[in-house]
Every structure is written in structure tokens, then in C-alpha cells.
Amino acid sequence: MEHIGSLALQTAIYIAYATISLTLGVVIYRLVKGPGLPDRIIVLDLAASATIGFVLVIIIQTKQTVYLNIALVVALIAFLGTVSFARYLKKQIRYE
């Protein structure tokens, strides 16, 4: 019975890898094509979220929680980057 659960888990992991890879492909396309700077900032935040998801799937697959530190660092850097870009845009709009 454990083999069936293991097979289901492996199938879910492969589906998650495919979905996250597709998401990152669309994100890269949107980053290049994006109409403006605010849209690109949102896309970068989405790319960070997809990267965190990718790392979490690796954690589930390998059963090693040491990679959780990587996910935390990516989340913190993405948050700080989004906040700093938002402050930059706020100052830029104020002066125009």
C-alpha cells in the first residue's frame, strides 16, 4: 500500500515541477514583454514565489529540510525588493 502512495507522491511532484517550470517560462516572457516598470516588479515578485515553490517541491522530494533556509532567504529578498521598488515608484510619481 505504501508503494501506491509513493507513486502518487512522485506523480504529484512531477506535475508540480512541470507547472512551476511553465510558470517560470511565462514569467520570463512577461518580464521581457512587460508594458511598464510596475508590471515588471509584480512579475519579479511572482518569479520569487515560483522559485520558493520550486524549492519547497525539492524539500518534499528529498525529505531534507535544510533547503528551507533557501526558501526563507528568497522570500525575504523578494519582500525587501518589492518594498524598495514600491518606495522608488512612489517617490518618482511624487516628483512628476
N, C-alpha and C. Protein backbone atom coordinates (compact mmCIF):
# COMPACT_ATOMS: atom_id res chain seq x y z
N MET A 1 0.81 -1.20 0.00
CA MET A 1 0.00 0.00 0.00
C MET A 1 0.86 1.27 0.00
N GLU A 2 2.03 1.19 0.61
CA GLU A 2 2.91 2.34 0.64
C GLU A 2 3.43 2.67 -0.76
N HIS A 3 3.58 1.67 -1.59
CA HIS A 3 4.06 1.89 -2.96
C HIS A 3 3.08 2.74 -3.76
N ILE A 4 1.78 2.56 -3.53
CA ILE A 4 0.78 3.35 -4.25
C ILE A 4 0.87 4.81 -3.80
N GLY A 5 1.00 5.05 -2.50
CA GLY A 5 1.16 6.41 -2.02
C GLY A 5 2.43 7.04 -2.55
N SER A 6 3.48 6.25 -2.62
CA SER A 6 4.75 6.74 -3.15
C SER A 6 4.62 7.08 -4.64
N LEU A 7 3.90 6.26 -5.37
CA LEU A 7 3.68 6.53 -6.79
C LEU A 7 2.84 7.79 -6.98
N ALA A 8 1.84 7.96 -6.14
CA ALA A 8 1.00 9.16 -6.22
C ALA A 8 1.81 10.40 -5.87
N LEU A 9 2.67 10.28 -4.87
CA LEU A 9 3.50 11.41 -4.48
C LEU A 9 4.49 11.77 -5.60
N GLN A 10 5.11 10.78 -6.21
CA GLN A 10 6.04 11.06 -7.31
C GLN A 10 5.33 11.70 -8.49
N THR A 11 4.12 11.24 -8.79
CA THR A 11 3.34 11.84 -9.87
C THR A 11 3.02 13.29 -9.56
N ALA A 12 2.63 13.56 -8.31
CA ALA A 12 2.32 14.93 -7.91
C ALA A 12 3.56 15.82 -7.98
N ILE A 13 4.70 15.26 -7.61
CA ILE A 13 5.95 16.03 -7.67
C ILE A 13 6.30 16.37 -9.11
N TYR A 14 6.15 15.42 -10.02
CA TYR A 14 6.44 15.70 -11.43
C TYR A 14 5.47 16.72 -12.02
N ILE A 15 4.22 16.63 -11.63
CA ILE A 15 3.23 17.63 -12.09
C ILE A 15 3.58 19.01 -11.54
N ALA A 16 4.02 19.05 -10.27
CA ALA A 16 4.41 20.33 -9.67
C ALA A 16 5.62 20.92 -10.38
N TYR A 17 6.61 20.08 -10.69
CA TYR A 17 7.78 20.57 -11.44
C TYR A 17 7.37 21.14 -12.79
N ALA A 18 6.50 20.43 -13.49
CA ALA A 18 6.06 20.90 -14.81
C ALA A 18 5.29 22.21 -14.70
N THR A 19 4.42 22.31 -13.71
CA THR A 19 3.62 23.53 -13.55
C THR A 19 4.49 24.72 -13.18
N ILE A 20 5.41 24.51 -12.26
CA ILE A 20 6.28 25.61 -11.85
C ILE A 20 7.21 26.01 -12.99
N SER A 21 7.70 25.05 -13.76
CA SER A 21 8.54 25.37 -14.91
C SER A 21 7.77 26.18 -15.95
N LEU A 22 6.53 25.80 -16.20
CA LEU A 22 5.69 26.55 -17.12
C LEU A 22 5.45 27.97 -16.60
N THR A 23 5.22 28.08 -15.30
CA THR A 23 5.02 29.39 -14.71
C THR A 23 6.26 30.27 -14.87
N LEU A 24 7.43 29.70 -14.62
CA LEU A 24 8.65 30.48 -14.77
C LEU A 24 8.89 30.88 -16.23
N GLY A 25 8.49 30.03 -17.17
CA GLY A 25 8.60 30.40 -18.59
C GLY A 25 7.71 31.57 -18.93
N VAL A 26 6.48 31.55 -18.44
CA VAL A 26 5.55 32.66 -18.69
C VAL A 26 6.04 33.93 -17.99
N VAL A 27 6.61 33.77 -16.81
CA VAL A 27 7.14 34.92 -16.08
C VAL A 27 8.28 35.57 -16.85
N ILE A 28 9.17 34.78 -17.39
CA ILE A 28 10.29 35.33 -18.16
C ILE A 28 9.77 36.06 -19.41
N TYR A 29 8.79 35.47 -20.07
CA TYR A 29 8.19 36.13 -21.23
C TYR A 29 7.58 37.48 -20.83
N ARG A 30 6.84 37.48 -19.72
CA ARG A 30 6.17 38.70 -19.29
C ARG A 30 7.18 39.74 -18.80
N LEU A 31 8.28 39.29 -18.24
CA LEU A 31 9.31 40.22 -17.78
C LEU A 31 9.93 40.95 -18.96
N VAL A 32 10.15 40.24 -20.06
CA VAL A 32 10.73 40.86 -21.26
C VAL A 32 9.70 41.72 -21.97
N LYS A 33 8.48 41.24 -22.06
CA LYS A 33 7.44 41.92 -22.83
C LYS A 33 6.70 43.00 -22.04
N GLY A 34 6.80 42.96 -20.71
CA GLY A 34 6.00 43.82 -19.83
C GLY A 34 5.85 45.25 -20.29
N PRO A 35 4.64 45.80 -20.15
CA PRO A 35 4.41 47.16 -20.64
C PRO A 35 5.09 48.24 -19.81
N GLY A 36 5.30 48.03 -18.54
CA GLY A 36 5.90 49.09 -17.74
C GLY A 36 6.65 48.55 -16.54
N LEU A 37 7.27 49.47 -15.82
CA LEU A 37 8.07 49.09 -14.66
C LEU A 37 7.22 48.47 -13.54
N PRO A 38 6.06 49.02 -13.20
CA PRO A 38 5.26 48.39 -12.14
C PRO A 38 4.86 46.94 -12.48
N ASP A 39 4.56 46.68 -13.74
CA ASP A 39 4.21 45.32 -14.14
C ASP A 39 5.40 44.38 -14.01
N ARG A 40 6.56 44.87 -14.31
CA ARG A 40 7.76 44.04 -14.19
C ARG A 40 8.09 43.76 -12.72
N ILE A 41 7.80 44.70 -11.85
CA ILE A 41 8.02 44.47 -10.42
C ILE A 41 7.10 43.37 -9.92
N ILE A 42 5.86 43.39 -10.34
CA ILE A 42 4.91 42.35 -9.95
C ILE A 42 5.37 41.00 -10.49
N VAL A 43 5.87 40.98 -11.71
CA VAL A 43 6.34 39.73 -12.31
C VAL A 43 7.56 39.20 -11.55
N LEU A 44 8.44 40.08 -11.11
CA LEU A 44 9.59 39.63 -10.33
C LEU A 44 9.15 39.02 -9.00
N ASP A 45 8.12 39.59 -8.40
CA ASP A 45 7.58 39.02 -7.17
C ASP A 45 6.98 37.64 -7.44
N LEU A 46 6.30 37.50 -8.56
CA LEU A 46 5.76 36.19 -8.94
C LEU A 46 6.87 35.18 -9.21
N ALA A 47 7.96 35.64 -9.81
CA ALA A 47 9.10 34.75 -10.06
C ALA A 47 9.71 34.27 -8.75
N ALA A 48 9.78 35.15 -7.77
CA ALA A 48 10.30 34.75 -6.46
C ALA A 48 9.37 33.73 -5.81
N SER A 49 8.07 33.92 -5.94
CA SER A 49 7.12 32.96 -5.38
C SER A 49 7.23 31.61 -6.07
N ALA A 50 7.41 31.61 -7.37
CA ALA A 50 7.58 30.35 -8.09
C ALA A 50 8.88 29.66 -7.70
N THR A 51 9.92 30.44 -7.47
CA THR A 51 11.19 29.87 -7.03
C THR A 51 11.04 29.24 -5.65
N ILE A 52 10.31 29.90 -4.77
CA ILE A 52 10.05 29.33 -3.45
C ILE A 52 9.27 28.03 -3.57
N GLY A 53 8.29 28.01 -4.46
CA GLY A 53 7.54 26.78 -4.69
C GLY A 53 8.42 25.66 -5.21
N PHE A 54 9.34 26.01 -6.10
CA PHE A 54 10.27 25.02 -6.64
C PHE A 54 11.15 24.43 -5.54
N VAL A 55 11.65 25.29 -4.65
CA VAL A 55 12.47 24.83 -3.54
C VAL A 55 11.64 23.96 -2.59
N LEU A 56 10.39 24.31 -2.36
CA LEU A 56 9.54 23.51 -1.48
C LEU A 56 9.26 22.13 -2.07
N VAL A 57 9.11 22.05 -3.38
CA VAL A 57 8.93 20.74 -4.01
C VAL A 57 10.20 19.91 -3.86
N ILE A 58 11.35 20.54 -3.97
CA ILE A 58 12.61 19.83 -3.75
C ILE A 58 12.68 19.31 -2.32
N ILE A 59 12.23 20.13 -1.36
CA ILE A 59 12.22 19.70 0.04
C ILE A 59 11.33 18.47 0.21
N ILE A 60 10.16 18.48 -0.41
CA ILE A 60 9.26 17.34 -0.31
C ILE A 60 9.88 16.10 -0.95
N GLN A 61 10.52 16.28 -2.08
CA GLN A 61 11.09 15.14 -2.80
C GLN A 61 12.28 14.53 -2.07
N THR A 62 13.17 15.37 -1.56
CA THR A 62 14.38 14.85 -0.92
C THR A 62 14.21 14.57 0.57
N LYS A 63 13.13 15.08 1.16
CA LYS A 63 12.87 14.93 2.60
C LYS A 63 13.99 15.51 3.45
N GLN A 64 14.62 16.58 2.96
CA GLN A 64 15.66 17.28 3.70
C GLN A 64 15.23 18.72 3.91
N THR A 65 15.10 19.10 5.16
CA THR A 65 14.60 20.44 5.46
C THR A 65 15.68 21.51 5.41
N VAL A 66 16.90 21.13 5.09
CA VAL A 66 17.99 22.10 5.03
C VAL A 66 17.73 23.14 3.94
N TYR A 67 16.98 22.78 2.92
CA TYR A 67 16.69 23.70 1.83
C TYR A 67 15.65 24.75 2.22
N LEU A 68 15.04 24.59 3.38
CA LEU A 68 14.06 25.57 3.83
C LEU A 68 14.71 26.94 4.06
N ASN A 69 15.97 26.93 4.42
CA ASN A 69 16.70 28.20 4.58
C ASN A 69 16.78 28.96 3.27
N ILE A 70 16.95 28.24 2.18
CA ILE A 70 17.00 28.89 0.86
C ILE A 70 15.67 29.55 0.55
N ALA A 71 14.57 28.85 0.83
CA ALA A 71 13.25 29.41 0.58
C ALA A 71 13.01 30.66 1.43
N LEU A 72 13.45 30.62 2.66
CA LEU A 72 13.29 31.80 3.53
C LEU A 72 14.09 32.99 3.03
N VAL A 73 15.31 32.76 2.60
CA VAL A 73 16.15 33.85 2.10
C VAL A 73 15.55 34.45 0.83
N VAL A 74 15.08 33.61 -0.07
CA VAL A 74 14.45 34.11 -1.30
C VAL A 74 13.21 34.93 -0.97
N ALA A 75 12.41 34.46 -0.01
CA ALA A 75 11.20 35.20 0.38
C ALA A 75 11.55 36.56 0.98
N LEU A 76 12.55 36.61 1.83
CA LEU A 76 12.94 37.88 2.44
C LEU A 76 13.51 38.86 1.41
N ILE A 77 14.34 38.36 0.52
CA ILE A 77 14.91 39.23 -0.51
C ILE A 77 13.81 39.74 -1.45
N ALA A 78 12.88 38.88 -1.80
CA ALA A 78 11.78 39.30 -2.68
C ALA A 78 10.91 40.35 -2.00
N PHE A 79 10.64 40.16 -0.71
CA PHE A 79 9.83 41.14 0.02
C PHE A 79 10.54 42.48 0.08
N LEU A 80 11.81 42.48 0.44
CA LEU A 80 12.55 43.73 0.54
C LEU A 80 12.69 44.41 -0.83
N GLY A 81 12.88 43.61 -1.87
CA GLY A 81 12.95 44.18 -3.21
C GLY A 81 11.65 44.82 -3.65
N THR A 82 10.54 44.16 -3.37
CA THR A 82 9.24 44.71 -3.73
C THR A 82 8.95 46.00 -2.98
N VAL A 83 9.27 46.03 -1.70
CA VAL A 83 9.04 47.24 -0.90
C VAL A 83 9.92 48.38 -1.40
N SER A 84 11.17 48.09 -1.70
CA SER A 84 12.06 49.16 -2.15
C SER A 84 11.65 49.68 -3.53
N PHE A 85 11.21 48.81 -4.43
CA PHE A 85 10.73 49.27 -5.73
C PHE A 85 9.46 50.10 -5.58
N ALA A 86 8.59 49.71 -4.66
CA ALA A 86 7.36 50.48 -4.44
C ALA A 86 7.68 51.87 -3.89
N ARG A 87 8.65 51.94 -2.99
CA ARG A 87 9.05 53.26 -2.47
C ARG A 87 9.68 54.11 -3.57
N TYR A 88 10.46 53.48 -4.43
CA TYR A 88 11.07 54.19 -5.54
C TYR A 88 10.00 54.75 -6.47
N LEU A 89 9.01 53.93 -6.79
CA LEU A 89 7.94 54.40 -7.67
C LEU A 89 7.12 55.50 -7.01
N LYS A 90 6.93 55.41 -5.71
CA LYS A 90 6.17 56.44 -5.00
C LYS A 90 6.90 57.77 -5.07
N LYS A 91 8.22 57.77 -4.88
CA LYS A 91 9.00 59.00 -4.98
C LYS A 91 9.01 59.53 -6.40
N GLN A 92 9.07 58.63 -7.37
CA GLN A 92 9.11 59.05 -8.77
C GLN A 92 7.78 59.71 -9.17
N ILE A 93 6.66 59.17 -8.72
CA ILE A 93 5.36 59.75 -9.04
C ILE A 93 5.17 61.08 -8.35
N ARG A 94 5.68 61.21 -7.13
CA ARG A 94 5.54 62.45 -6.38
C ARG A 94 6.22 63.63 -7.07
N TYR A 95 7.36 63.39 -7.71
CA TYR A 95 8.12 64.46 -8.35
C TYR A 95 7.64 64.79 -9.76
N GLU A 96 6.80 63.98 -10.32
CA GLU A 96 6.34 64.25 -11.69
C GLU A 96 5.17 65.19 -11.71
